[in-house]
Amino acid sequence: MWKLYALLAAVFAALTAIFSKVGIRDIDSNLATAIRVAFIMLLTWGIVFYTGATKELKSISGHTFLFLLLSALATGLSWLFYFKALQEGDVSKVAPIDKLSVAITIVLAFIFLKEPADFKTIAGGLMITAGSILLLF
């Protein structure tokens, strides 16, 4: 099932790039990011309340909370830079370069999470990197 979720994430990420490019045409990219975050908060908290997941709030450890906070900071910075890049560049070039995150994630997962890096994973990461570098120049 994770493959379906990953594919859906990719489809919605693609739509995000297109919708964002249109949405930031006439406003500051930082303001656009803040508006986007507000909508995401409403959506996700709505889902949490609807599914009853709020009962888990009391059991969240400090360790988990810390890494969720770090993840939020990284996400926020990623979105701010992504929107700024979209505002100044073509979405067809910005989005693939942004996907260098896939190759960086593979390396970081190998180093810090001790995940296996087989031939397909390494080759795929190298191809993504090569494609992104090609778009940079």
N, C-alpha and C. Protein backbone atom coordinates (compact mmCIF):
# COMPACT_ATOMS: atom_id res chain seq x y z
N MET A 1 0.81 -1.20 0.00
CA MET A 1 0.00 0.00 0.00
C MET A 1 0.86 1.27 0.00
N TRP A 2 2.08 1.17 0.55
CA TRP A 2 2.94 2.34 0.62
C TRP A 2 3.27 2.87 -0.77
N LYS A 3 3.34 1.99 -1.75
CA LYS A 3 3.66 2.43 -3.11
C LYS A 3 2.55 3.31 -3.68
N LEU A 4 1.31 2.93 -3.40
CA LEU A 4 0.17 3.76 -3.84
C LEU A 4 0.23 5.12 -3.17
N TYR A 5 0.49 5.14 -1.85
CA TYR A 5 0.58 6.41 -1.14
C TYR A 5 1.72 7.27 -1.69
N ALA A 6 2.85 6.65 -2.00
CA ALA A 6 3.99 7.39 -2.55
C ALA A 6 3.64 7.97 -3.92
N LEU A 7 2.94 7.19 -4.75
CA LEU A 7 2.53 7.68 -6.06
C LEU A 7 1.55 8.83 -5.92
N LEU A 8 0.60 8.70 -5.01
CA LEU A 8 -0.35 9.79 -4.77
C LEU A 8 0.37 11.04 -4.27
N ALA A 9 1.38 10.85 -3.41
CA ALA A 9 2.17 11.99 -2.94
C ALA A 9 2.86 12.69 -4.11
N ALA A 10 3.38 11.91 -5.05
CA ALA A 10 4.04 12.50 -6.22
C ALA A 10 3.06 13.27 -7.08
N VAL A 11 1.87 12.71 -7.28
CA VAL A 11 0.84 13.39 -8.09
C VAL A 11 0.46 14.71 -7.43
N PHE A 12 0.22 14.69 -6.12
CA PHE A 12 -0.17 15.91 -5.43
C PHE A 12 0.98 16.90 -5.34
N ALA A 13 2.22 16.41 -5.26
CA ALA A 13 3.37 17.31 -5.28
C ALA A 13 3.46 18.03 -6.63
N ALA A 14 3.18 17.29 -7.71
CA ALA A 14 3.18 17.91 -9.04
C ALA A 14 2.09 18.98 -9.13
N LEU A 15 0.90 18.65 -8.63
CA LEU A 15 -0.18 19.63 -8.63
C LEU A 15 0.17 20.83 -7.76
N THR A 16 0.86 20.58 -6.66
CA THR A 16 1.29 21.66 -5.77
C THR A 16 2.16 22.65 -6.53
N ALA A 17 3.10 22.15 -7.31
CA ALA A 17 3.99 23.02 -8.07
C ALA A 17 3.21 23.88 -9.05
N ILE A 18 2.28 23.27 -9.78
CA ILE A 18 1.51 24.01 -10.78
C ILE A 18 0.60 25.04 -10.10
N PHE A 19 -0.15 24.60 -9.09
CA PHE A 19 -1.06 25.52 -8.39
C PHE A 19 -0.28 26.64 -7.71
N SER A 20 0.87 26.32 -7.13
CA SER A 20 1.67 27.33 -6.43
C SER A 20 2.20 28.39 -7.39
N LYS A 21 2.68 27.95 -8.54
CA LYS A 21 3.21 28.90 -9.52
C LYS A 21 2.14 29.91 -9.92
N VAL A 22 0.93 29.44 -10.13
CA VAL A 22 -0.17 30.34 -10.48
C VAL A 22 -0.54 31.21 -9.27
N GLY A 23 -0.52 30.62 -8.08
CA GLY A 23 -0.96 31.32 -6.87
C GLY A 23 -0.01 32.40 -6.38
N ILE A 24 1.26 32.35 -6.76
CA ILE A 24 2.22 33.33 -6.25
C ILE A 24 2.53 34.44 -7.25
N ARG A 25 1.79 34.49 -8.33
CA ARG A 25 2.09 35.48 -9.36
C ARG A 25 2.03 36.92 -8.86
N ASP A 26 1.07 37.21 -8.00
CA ASP A 26 0.83 38.60 -7.63
C ASP A 26 1.09 38.93 -6.17
N ILE A 27 1.71 38.00 -5.41
CA ILE A 27 1.98 38.29 -4.00
C ILE A 27 3.38 37.81 -3.62
N ASP A 28 3.85 38.29 -2.49
CA ASP A 28 5.15 37.90 -1.95
C ASP A 28 5.15 36.39 -1.69
N SER A 29 6.23 35.73 -2.01
CA SER A 29 6.30 34.27 -1.85
C SER A 29 6.21 33.86 -0.38
N ASN A 30 6.74 34.67 0.54
CA ASN A 30 6.65 34.34 1.97
C ASN A 30 5.21 34.41 2.47
N LEU A 31 4.47 35.43 2.02
CA LEU A 31 3.06 35.54 2.37
C LEU A 31 2.29 34.36 1.79
N ALA A 32 2.60 33.99 0.56
CA ALA A 32 1.94 32.84 -0.07
C ALA A 32 2.19 31.56 0.73
N THR A 33 3.42 31.39 1.21
CA THR A 33 3.74 30.22 2.01
C THR A 33 2.94 30.22 3.31
N ALA A 34 2.84 31.37 3.96
CA ALA A 34 2.08 31.47 5.21
C ALA A 34 0.60 31.13 4.98
N ILE A 35 0.03 31.62 3.90
CA ILE A 35 -1.36 31.30 3.58
C ILE A 35 -1.52 29.81 3.34
N ARG A 36 -0.59 29.24 2.60
CA ARG A 36 -0.62 27.80 2.32
C ARG A 36 -0.57 26.99 3.62
N VAL A 37 0.33 27.38 4.52
CA VAL A 37 0.47 26.68 5.80
C VAL A 37 -0.82 26.75 6.60
N ALA A 38 -1.46 27.91 6.59
CA ALA A 38 -2.72 28.07 7.34
C ALA A 38 -3.79 27.11 6.80
N PHE A 39 -3.88 27.00 5.49
CA PHE A 39 -4.85 26.06 4.91
C PHE A 39 -4.50 24.62 5.24
N ILE A 40 -3.21 24.30 5.20
CA ILE A 40 -2.77 22.93 5.52
C ILE A 40 -3.09 22.61 6.98
N MET A 41 -2.88 23.58 7.87
CA MET A 41 -3.20 23.36 9.28
C MET A 41 -4.69 23.06 9.46
N LEU A 42 -5.54 23.84 8.80
CA LEU A 42 -6.98 23.60 8.90
C LEU A 42 -7.34 22.20 8.38
N LEU A 43 -6.78 21.84 7.25
CA LEU A 43 -7.06 20.54 6.66
C LEU A 43 -6.60 19.41 7.57
N THR A 44 -5.35 19.47 8.02
CA THR A 44 -4.81 18.35 8.79
C THR A 44 -5.45 18.25 10.18
N TRP A 45 -5.68 19.39 10.84
CA TRP A 45 -6.36 19.32 12.15
C TRP A 45 -7.79 18.84 11.99
N GLY A 46 -8.42 19.20 10.88
CA GLY A 46 -9.76 18.68 10.61
C GLY A 46 -9.76 17.16 10.50
N ILE A 47 -8.76 16.63 9.82
CA ILE A 47 -8.63 15.17 9.68
C ILE A 47 -8.34 14.52 11.03
N VAL A 48 -7.48 15.15 11.83
CA VAL A 48 -7.14 14.62 13.15
C VAL A 48 -8.39 14.55 14.03
N PHE A 49 -9.17 15.62 14.04
CA PHE A 49 -10.40 15.63 14.85
C PHE A 49 -11.41 14.62 14.32
N TYR A 50 -11.53 14.55 13.00
CA TYR A 50 -12.50 13.63 12.38
C TYR A 50 -12.17 12.17 12.70
N THR A 51 -10.88 11.84 12.67
CA THR A 51 -10.48 10.44 12.91
C THR A 51 -10.30 10.11 14.39
N GLY A 52 -10.37 11.12 15.25
CA GLY A 52 -10.23 10.87 16.68
C GLY A 52 -8.79 10.68 17.13
N ALA A 53 -7.84 11.09 16.31
CA ALA A 53 -6.43 10.89 16.65
C ALA A 53 -5.94 11.82 17.76
N THR A 54 -6.77 12.76 18.18
CA THR A 54 -6.36 13.69 19.25
C THR A 54 -6.08 12.97 20.56
N LYS A 55 -6.66 11.79 20.73
CA LYS A 55 -6.43 11.05 21.99
C LYS A 55 -4.97 10.64 22.15
N GLU A 56 -4.19 10.64 21.08
CA GLU A 56 -2.77 10.29 21.14
C GLU A 56 -1.89 11.44 21.62
N LEU A 57 -2.43 12.65 21.70
CA LEU A 57 -1.63 13.82 22.06
C LEU A 57 -0.91 13.65 23.39
N LYS A 58 -1.57 13.09 24.37
CA LYS A 58 -0.99 12.95 25.71
C LYS A 58 0.18 11.98 25.75
N SER A 59 0.25 11.07 24.79
CA SER A 59 1.27 10.03 24.83
C SER A 59 2.50 10.35 23.98
N ILE A 60 2.56 11.54 23.39
CA ILE A 60 3.70 11.90 22.55
C ILE A 60 4.91 12.17 23.44
N SER A 61 6.01 11.45 23.17
CA SER A 61 7.23 11.62 23.97
C SER A 61 7.96 12.90 23.55
N GLY A 62 8.84 13.32 24.43
CA GLY A 62 9.67 14.49 24.13
C GLY A 62 10.54 14.27 22.90
N HIS A 63 11.06 13.05 22.77
CA HIS A 63 11.89 12.69 21.62
C HIS A 63 11.10 12.84 20.32
N THR A 64 9.90 12.28 20.31
CA THR A 64 9.03 12.37 19.12
C THR A 64 8.70 13.82 18.82
N PHE A 65 8.34 14.57 19.86
CA PHE A 65 7.97 15.96 19.69
C PHE A 65 9.14 16.77 19.12
N LEU A 66 10.35 16.53 19.62
CA LEU A 66 11.54 17.22 19.14
C LEU A 66 11.75 16.97 17.65
N PHE A 67 11.64 15.71 17.23
CA PHE A 67 11.89 15.41 15.82
C PHE A 67 10.75 15.88 14.91
N LEU A 68 9.54 15.94 15.44
CA LEU A 68 8.45 16.55 14.67
C LEU A 68 8.67 18.05 14.51
N LEU A 69 9.19 18.68 15.57
CA LEU A 69 9.52 20.10 15.50
C LEU A 69 10.63 20.35 14.48
N LEU A 70 11.69 19.54 14.53
CA LEU A 70 12.78 19.67 13.55
C LEU A 70 12.28 19.44 12.13
N SER A 71 11.40 18.47 11.97
CA SER A 71 10.81 18.20 10.65
C SER A 71 9.99 19.41 10.17
N ALA A 72 9.25 20.01 11.09
CA ALA A 72 8.44 21.19 10.73
C ALA A 72 9.34 22.35 10.31
N LEU A 73 10.44 22.55 11.04
CA LEU A 73 11.36 23.62 10.68
C LEU A 73 11.96 23.38 9.30
N ALA A 74 12.37 22.15 9.04
CA ALA A 74 12.94 21.81 7.73
C ALA A 74 11.90 21.98 6.63
N THR A 75 10.67 21.55 6.90
CA THR A 75 9.60 21.69 5.91
C THR A 75 9.32 23.16 5.63
N GLY A 76 9.21 23.95 6.69
CA GLY A 76 8.95 25.38 6.52
C GLY A 76 10.01 26.06 5.69
N LEU A 77 11.27 25.80 6.00
CA LEU A 77 12.35 26.39 5.21
C LEU A 77 12.33 25.90 3.77
N SER A 78 12.06 24.60 3.60
CA SER A 78 11.96 24.05 2.25
C SER A 78 10.88 24.77 1.45
N TRP A 79 9.72 24.94 2.05
CA TRP A 79 8.61 25.60 1.35
C TRP A 79 8.92 27.06 1.04
N LEU A 80 9.54 27.77 1.99
CA LEU A 80 9.88 29.18 1.74
C LEU A 80 10.84 29.31 0.56
N PHE A 81 11.87 28.46 0.54
CA PHE A 81 12.82 28.51 -0.58
C PHE A 81 12.18 28.03 -1.88
N TYR A 82 11.32 27.02 -1.79
CA TYR A 82 10.65 26.48 -2.98
C TYR A 82 9.76 27.55 -3.60
N PHE A 83 8.97 28.24 -2.79
CA PHE A 83 8.08 29.27 -3.32
C PHE A 83 8.88 30.42 -3.91
N LYS A 84 9.98 30.80 -3.27
CA LYS A 84 10.83 31.86 -3.82
C LYS A 84 11.40 31.43 -5.17
N ALA A 85 11.87 30.18 -5.25
CA ALA A 85 12.39 29.67 -6.52
C ALA A 85 11.30 29.64 -7.59
N LEU A 86 10.09 29.21 -7.20
CA LEU A 86 8.98 29.18 -8.16
C LEU A 86 8.63 30.58 -8.65
N GLN A 87 8.70 31.54 -7.75
CA GLN A 87 8.36 32.91 -8.12
C GLN A 87 9.34 33.46 -9.15
N GLU A 88 10.59 33.05 -9.04
CA GLU A 88 11.62 33.59 -9.92
C GLU A 88 11.95 32.71 -11.11
N GLY A 89 11.63 31.42 -11.04
CA GLY A 89 12.03 30.50 -12.12
C GLY A 89 10.85 29.76 -12.72
N ASP A 90 11.15 29.01 -13.75
CA ASP A 90 10.13 28.18 -14.41
C ASP A 90 9.85 26.95 -13.58
N VAL A 91 8.57 26.62 -13.40
CA VAL A 91 8.20 25.47 -12.59
C VAL A 91 8.79 24.17 -13.17
N SER A 92 8.94 24.12 -14.49
CA SER A 92 9.48 22.93 -15.14
C SER A 92 10.97 22.73 -14.84
N LYS A 93 11.63 23.76 -14.34
CA LYS A 93 13.02 23.63 -13.94
C LYS A 93 13.17 23.57 -12.42
N VAL A 94 12.36 24.34 -11.72
CA VAL A 94 12.44 24.39 -10.25
C VAL A 94 12.06 23.04 -9.64
N ALA A 95 10.94 22.47 -10.06
CA ALA A 95 10.44 21.22 -9.46
C ALA A 95 11.45 20.07 -9.58
N PRO A 96 12.03 19.84 -10.76
CA PRO A 96 13.02 18.75 -10.83
C PRO A 96 14.27 19.00 -9.99
N ILE A 97 14.72 20.25 -9.91
CA ILE A 97 15.88 20.55 -9.08
C ILE A 97 15.53 20.32 -7.61
N ASP A 98 14.32 20.71 -7.23
CA ASP A 98 13.84 20.46 -5.86
C ASP A 98 13.87 18.96 -5.55
N LYS A 99 13.68 18.14 -6.56
CA LYS A 99 13.67 16.69 -6.34
C LYS A 99 15.06 16.13 -6.10
N LEU A 100 16.08 16.97 -6.11
CA LEU A 100 17.39 16.53 -5.62
C LEU A 100 17.26 16.06 -4.18
N SER A 101 16.18 16.49 -3.53
CA SER A 101 15.93 16.04 -2.16
C SER A 101 15.84 14.52 -2.09
N VAL A 102 15.41 13.89 -3.17
CA VAL A 102 15.34 12.43 -3.19
C VAL A 102 16.74 11.84 -3.05
N ALA A 103 17.68 12.32 -3.85
CA ALA A 103 19.05 11.81 -3.79
C ALA A 103 19.68 12.13 -2.43
N ILE A 104 19.46 13.34 -1.94
CA ILE A 104 20.01 13.73 -0.63
C ILE A 104 19.41 12.85 0.47
N THR A 105 18.12 12.56 0.37
CA THR A 105 17.45 11.71 1.35
C THR A 105 18.03 10.30 1.34
N ILE A 106 18.32 9.78 0.16
CA ILE A 106 18.92 8.44 0.05
C ILE A 106 20.24 8.40 0.81
N VAL A 107 21.08 9.40 0.60
CA VAL A 107 22.39 9.47 1.27
C VAL A 107 22.20 9.59 2.78
N LEU A 108 21.33 10.51 3.21
CA LEU A 108 21.12 10.72 4.65
C LEU A 108 20.50 9.49 5.32
N ALA A 109 19.59 8.81 4.62
CA ALA A 109 18.98 7.59 5.17
C ALA A 109 20.03 6.49 5.32
N PHE A 110 20.95 6.41 4.39
CA PHE A 110 22.03 5.43 4.46
C PHE A 110 22.95 5.73 5.65
N ILE A 111 23.30 7.01 5.81
CA ILE A 111 24.25 7.40 6.87
C ILE A 111 23.61 7.34 8.25
N PHE A 112 22.46 7.98 8.41
CA PHE A 112 21.89 8.16 9.74
C PHE A 112 20.90 7.08 10.16
N LEU A 113 20.15 6.53 9.20
CA LEU A 113 19.15 5.52 9.54
C LEU A 113 19.63 4.11 9.25
N LYS A 114 20.82 4.00 8.69
CA LYS A 114 21.41 2.70 8.36
C LYS A 114 20.54 1.88 7.42
N GLU A 115 19.81 2.58 6.54
CA GLU A 115 18.99 1.88 5.56
C GLU A 115 19.89 1.31 4.46
N PRO A 116 19.48 0.19 3.87
CA PRO A 116 20.31 -0.40 2.81
C PRO A 116 20.28 0.46 1.54
N ALA A 117 21.39 0.46 0.84
CA ALA A 117 21.48 1.17 -0.44
C ALA A 117 21.91 0.17 -1.50
N ASP A 118 20.94 -0.46 -2.15
CA ASP A 118 21.25 -1.43 -3.18
C ASP A 118 21.56 -0.73 -4.51
N PHE A 119 21.90 -1.52 -5.51
CA PHE A 119 22.30 -0.96 -6.81
C PHE A 119 21.21 -0.08 -7.40
N LYS A 120 19.95 -0.54 -7.37
CA LYS A 120 18.85 0.24 -7.95
C LYS A 120 18.69 1.59 -7.26
N THR A 121 18.81 1.60 -5.94
CA THR A 121 18.65 2.84 -5.19
C THR A 121 19.77 3.82 -5.53
N ILE A 122 20.99 3.33 -5.56
CA ILE A 122 22.13 4.19 -5.88
C ILE A 122 22.04 4.69 -7.32
N ALA A 123 21.73 3.80 -8.25
CA ALA A 123 21.62 4.19 -9.66
C ALA A 123 20.51 5.21 -9.86
N GLY A 124 19.37 4.99 -9.23
CA GLY A 124 18.26 5.93 -9.34
C GLY A 124 18.62 7.29 -8.77
N GLY A 125 19.27 7.29 -7.62
CA GLY A 125 19.71 8.55 -7.02
C GLY A 125 20.70 9.30 -7.89
N LEU A 126 21.61 8.56 -8.51
CA LEU A 126 22.58 9.19 -9.40
C LEU A 126 21.91 9.76 -10.64
N MET A 127 20.91 9.07 -11.17
CA MET A 127 20.19 9.58 -12.34
C MET A 127 19.39 10.85 -12.00
N ILE A 128 18.76 10.85 -10.84
CA ILE A 128 18.04 12.05 -10.41
C ILE A 128 19.01 13.21 -10.27
N THR A 129 20.17 12.94 -9.67
CA THR A 129 21.18 13.98 -9.49
C THR A 129 21.66 14.49 -10.84
N ALA A 130 21.94 13.59 -11.77
CA ALA A 130 22.41 13.99 -13.10
C ALA A 130 21.35 14.84 -13.81
N GLY A 131 20.10 14.45 -13.72
CA GLY A 131 19.03 15.22 -14.35
C GLY A 131 18.90 16.61 -13.74
N SER A 132 19.01 16.69 -12.44
CA SER A 132 18.90 17.99 -11.76
C SER A 132 20.07 18.89 -12.14
N ILE A 133 21.27 18.33 -12.19
CA ILE A 133 22.45 19.11 -12.56
C ILE A 133 22.31 19.59 -14.01
N LEU A 134 21.80 18.74 -14.87
CA LEU A 134 21.58 19.13 -16.26
C LEU A 134 20.65 20.34 -16.36
N LEU A 135 19.62 20.35 -15.53
CA LEU A 135 18.67 21.47 -15.55
C LEU A 135 19.26 22.76 -14.97
N LEU A 136 20.28 22.62 -14.11
CA LEU A 136 20.91 23.81 -13.52
C LEU A 136 21.72 24.60 -14.53
N PHE A 137 22.22 23.93 -15.57
CA PHE A 137 23.12 24.61 -16.50
C PHE A 137 22.58 24.70 -17.90
